Amino acid sequence: MSKPASRAETAETPLLWATMVRVYLSESDHGLKPLLKCLHDELKVRGATVTRGVAGFGASGVVHGTSLVDLSADLPLVLEFFDRPERARAAIERIKDFVQPGHIVSWSVNVESSGN
């Protein structure tokens, strides 16, 4: 029977540098499907997640939201993905045509690695 890893051993899990990218869209943009297709088929990023917001506003100041009586709304969408910095930068350059200026943000992150 092997002993459990000590705290010092688990603290040495390798970290990998990556870039997290967040893209702000709205349901009325109709650009989500082509954007996802580009990220998946052409750019082959590690993965992407789309989150539908319940409310939000942009530069116009108009609040977009929904209530129980409102069956259709122009809700905010947030698409996130991460990859190695050079791949994320290439993806950002490629997807700029899909979204309005100023709707892509990115930052450096550490990704937990299995050490394999």
C-alpha atoms as a PDB file:
ATOM      1  CA  MET A   1       0.000   0.000   0.000  1.00  0.00           C
ATOM      2  CA  SER A   2       1.491   3.351  -1.027  1.00  0.00           C
ATOM      3  CA  LYS A   3       1.439   6.309   1.283  1.00  0.00           C
ATOM      4  CA  PRO A   4      -0.542   9.414   0.335  1.00  0.00           C
ATOM      5  CA  ALA A   5       1.387  12.257  -1.286  1.00  0.00           C
ATOM      6  CA  SER A   6       2.705  14.782   1.194  1.00  0.00           C
ATOM      7  CA  ARG A   7       1.675  18.407   1.049  1.00  0.00           C
ATOM      8  CA  ALA A   8       5.096  19.331  -0.348  1.00  0.00           C
ATOM      9  CA  GLU A   9       4.779  16.749  -3.127  1.00  0.00           C
ATOM     10  CA  THR A  10       1.317  17.924  -4.212  1.00  0.00           C
ATOM     11  CA  ALA A  11       2.419  21.578  -4.118  1.00  0.00           C
ATOM     12  CA  GLU A  12       4.903  20.810  -6.894  1.00  0.00           C
ATOM     13  CA  THR A  13       2.227  20.108  -9.501  1.00  0.00           C
ATOM     14  CA  PRO A  14       3.555  21.696 -12.688  1.00  0.00           C
ATOM     15  CA  LEU A  15       1.807  24.841 -13.884  1.00  0.00           C
ATOM     16  CA  LEU A  16       1.556  25.719 -17.550  1.00  0.00           C
ATOM     17  CA  TRP A  17       1.221  29.274 -18.837  1.00  0.00           C
ATOM     18  CA  ALA A  18      -1.852  29.942 -20.950  1.00  0.00           C
ATOM     19  CA  THR A  19      -3.985  32.832 -22.100  1.00  0.00           C
ATOM     20  CA  MET A  20      -7.660  33.002 -21.164  1.00  0.00           C
ATOM     21  CA  VAL A  21      -9.837  34.733 -23.738  1.00  0.00           C
ATOM     22  CA  ARG A  22     -13.330  36.087 -23.126  1.00  0.00           C
ATOM     23  CA  VAL A  23     -15.552  37.272 -25.981  1.00  0.00           C
ATOM     24  CA  TYR A  24     -18.677  39.332 -25.293  1.00  0.00           C
ATOM     25  CA  LEU A  25     -21.599  38.816 -27.663  1.00  0.00           C
ATOM     26  CA  SER A  26     -25.367  39.106 -27.609  1.00  0.00           C
ATOM     27  CA  GLU A  27     -28.013  36.772 -28.955  1.00  0.00           C
ATOM     28  CA  SER A  28     -28.862  39.254 -31.716  1.00  0.00           C
ATOM     29  CA  ASP A  29     -25.290  39.183 -33.082  1.00  0.00           C
ATOM     30  CA  HIS A  30     -25.940  35.863 -34.902  1.00  0.00           C
ATOM     31  CA  GLY A  31     -22.175  35.362 -34.976  1.00  0.00           C
ATOM     32  CA  LEU A  32     -21.902  32.632 -32.370  1.00  0.00           C
ATOM     33  CA  LYS A  33     -22.197  29.606 -34.676  1.00  0.00           C
ATOM     34  CA  PRO A  34     -19.603  30.821 -37.211  1.00  0.00           C
ATOM     35  CA  LEU A  35     -17.318  31.871 -34.345  1.00  0.00           C
ATOM     36  CA  LEU A  36     -17.546  28.456 -32.673  1.00  0.00           C
ATOM     37  CA  LYS A  37     -17.004  26.728 -36.024  1.00  0.00           C
ATOM     38  CA  CYS A  38     -13.856  28.796 -36.597  1.00  0.00           C
ATOM     39  CA  LEU A  39     -12.512  28.102 -33.095  1.00  0.00           C
ATOM     40  CA  HIS A  40     -13.243  24.370 -33.368  1.00  0.00           C
ATOM     41  CA  ASP A  41     -12.600  23.466 -37.013  1.00  0.00           C
ATOM     42  CA  GLU A  42      -9.975  25.963 -38.115  1.00  0.00           C
ATOM     43  CA  LEU A  43      -8.130  27.078 -34.984  1.00  0.00           C
ATOM     44  CA  LYS A  44      -8.600  23.894 -32.934  1.00  0.00           C
ATOM     45  CA  VAL A  45      -8.475  25.639 -29.563  1.00  0.00           C
ATOM     46  CA  ARG A  46      -8.393  23.421 -26.471  1.00  0.00           C
ATOM     47  CA  GLY A  47     -12.071  23.983 -25.735  1.00  0.00           C
ATOM     48  CA  ALA A  48     -14.674  26.697 -25.481  1.00  0.00           C
ATOM     49  CA  THR A  49     -17.620  27.450 -23.222  1.00  0.00           C
ATOM     50  CA  VAL A  50     -20.555  29.722 -23.968  1.00  0.00           C
ATOM     51  CA  THR A  51     -22.504  31.181 -21.074  1.00  0.00           C
ATOM     52  CA  ARG A  52     -25.861  32.896 -21.484  1.00  0.00           C
ATOM     53  CA  GLY A  53     -26.300  35.865 -19.201  1.00  0.00           C
ATOM     54  CA  VAL A  54     -29.523  36.806 -17.459  1.00  0.00           C
ATOM     55  CA  ALA A  55     -28.849  40.521 -17.848  1.00  0.00           C
ATOM     56  CA  GLY A  56     -26.185  42.921 -19.024  1.00  0.00           C
ATOM     57  CA  PHE A  57     -25.411  46.237 -20.694  1.00  0.00           C
ATOM     58  CA  GLY A  58     -22.709  47.579 -22.955  1.00  0.00           C
ATOM     59  CA  ALA A  59     -21.463  50.953 -24.098  1.00  0.00           C
ATOM     60  CA  SER A  60     -24.981  52.031 -25.113  1.00  0.00           C
ATOM     61  CA  GLY A  61     -26.120  51.738 -21.499  1.00  0.00           C
ATOM     62  CA  VAL A  62     -29.235  49.811 -22.554  1.00  0.00           C
ATOM     63  CA  VAL A  63     -29.890  46.973 -20.101  1.00  0.00           C
ATOM     64  CA  HIS A  64     -30.791  43.695 -21.785  1.00  0.00           C
ATOM     65  CA  GLY A  65     -32.529  41.204 -19.554  1.00  0.00           C
ATOM     66  CA  THR A  66     -35.384  38.803 -19.263  1.00  0.00           C
ATOM     67  CA  SER A  67     -38.223  38.036 -16.927  1.00  0.00           C
ATOM     68  CA  LEU A  68     -40.705  35.192 -16.668  1.00  0.00           C
ATOM     69  CA  VAL A  69     -43.181  37.014 -18.917  1.00  0.00           C
ATOM     70  CA  ASP A  70     -40.551  37.848 -21.534  1.00  0.00           C
ATOM     71  CA  LEU A  71     -40.042  34.798 -23.768  1.00  0.00           C
ATOM     72  CA  SER A  72     -37.573  36.360 -26.179  1.00  0.00           C
ATOM     73  CA  ALA A  73     -34.826  38.794 -25.333  1.00  0.00           C
ATOM     74  CA  ASP A  74     -31.491  39.958 -26.622  1.00  0.00           C
ATOM     75  CA  LEU A  75     -29.498  38.397 -23.786  1.00  0.00           C
ATOM     76  CA  PRO A  76     -25.730  38.661 -23.377  1.00  0.00           C
ATOM     77  CA  LEU A  77     -23.510  35.726 -24.309  1.00  0.00           C
ATOM     78  CA  VAL A  78     -19.958  35.165 -23.079  1.00  0.00           C
ATOM     79  CA  LEU A  79     -17.642  32.797 -24.909  1.00  0.00           C
ATOM     80  CA  GLU A  80     -14.479  31.714 -23.095  1.00  0.00           C
ATOM     81  CA  PHE A  81     -11.520  29.630 -24.154  1.00  0.00           C
ATOM     82  CA  PHE A  82      -7.876  29.208 -23.239  1.00  0.00           C
ATOM     83  CA  ASP A  83      -4.799  27.885 -24.959  1.00  0.00           C
ATOM     84  CA  ARG A  84      -1.054  28.354 -25.077  1.00  0.00           C
ATOM     85  CA  PRO A  85      -0.260  32.067 -25.364  1.00  0.00           C
ATOM     86  CA  GLU A  86       0.869  31.927 -29.005  1.00  0.00           C
ATOM     87  CA  ARG A  87      -2.204  29.903 -30.064  1.00  0.00           C
ATOM     88  CA  ALA A  88      -4.569  32.174 -28.124  1.00  0.00           C
ATOM     89  CA  ARG A  89      -2.993  35.266 -29.723  1.00  0.00           C
ATOM     90  CA  ALA A  90      -3.429  33.733 -33.205  1.00  0.00           C
ATOM     91  CA  ALA A  91      -7.052  32.900 -32.366  1.00  0.00           C
ATOM     92  CA  ILE A  92      -7.723  36.449 -31.168  1.00  0.00           C
ATOM     93  CA  GLU A  93      -6.312  37.874 -34.390  1.00  0.00           C
ATOM     94  CA  ARG A  94      -8.484  35.506 -36.442  1.00  0.00           C
ATOM     95  CA  ILE A  95     -11.779  36.074 -34.588  1.00  0.00           C
ATOM     96  CA  LYS A  96     -11.586  39.881 -34.488  1.00  0.00           C
ATOM     97  CA  ASP A  97     -13.705  39.952 -37.655  1.00  0.00           C
ATOM     98  CA  PHE A  98     -16.541  38.112 -35.875  1.00  0.00           C
ATOM     99  CA  VAL A  99     -17.118  40.619 -33.063  1.00  0.00           C
ATOM    100  CA  GLN A 100     -17.331  44.335 -32.465  1.00  0.00           C
ATOM    101  CA  PRO A 101     -14.143  46.163 -31.449  1.00  0.00           C
ATOM    102  CA  GLY A 102     -13.486  46.077 -27.719  1.00  0.00           C
ATOM    103  CA  HIS A 103     -15.466  42.875 -27.091  1.00  0.00           C
ATOM    104  CA  ILE A 104     -12.485  40.549 -26.691  1.00  0.00           C
ATOM    105  CA  VAL A 105     -10.461  40.527 -23.486  1.00  0.00           C
ATOM    106  CA  SER A 106      -7.602  38.257 -22.484  1.00  0.00           C
ATOM    107  CA  TRP A 107      -5.252  37.658 -19.583  1.00  0.00           C
ATOM    108  CA  SER A 108      -2.478  35.276 -18.574  1.00  0.00           C
ATOM    109  CA  VAL A 109      -3.368  32.272 -16.430  1.00  0.00           C
ATOM    110  CA  ASN A 110      -1.704  29.223 -14.948  1.00  0.00           C
ATOM    111  CA  VAL A 111      -3.178  25.867 -15.932  1.00  0.00           C
ATOM    112  CA  GLU A 112      -2.820  22.994 -13.521  1.00  0.00           C
ATOM    113  CA  SER A 113      -0.989  20.160 -15.209  1.00  0.00           C
ATOM    114  CA  SER A 114      -1.174  16.486 -14.383  1.00  0.00           C
ATOM    115  CA  GLY A 115       2.609  16.335 -14.691  1.00  0.00           C
ATOM    116  CA  ASN A 116       2.415  13.789 -17.515  1.00  0.00           C
END
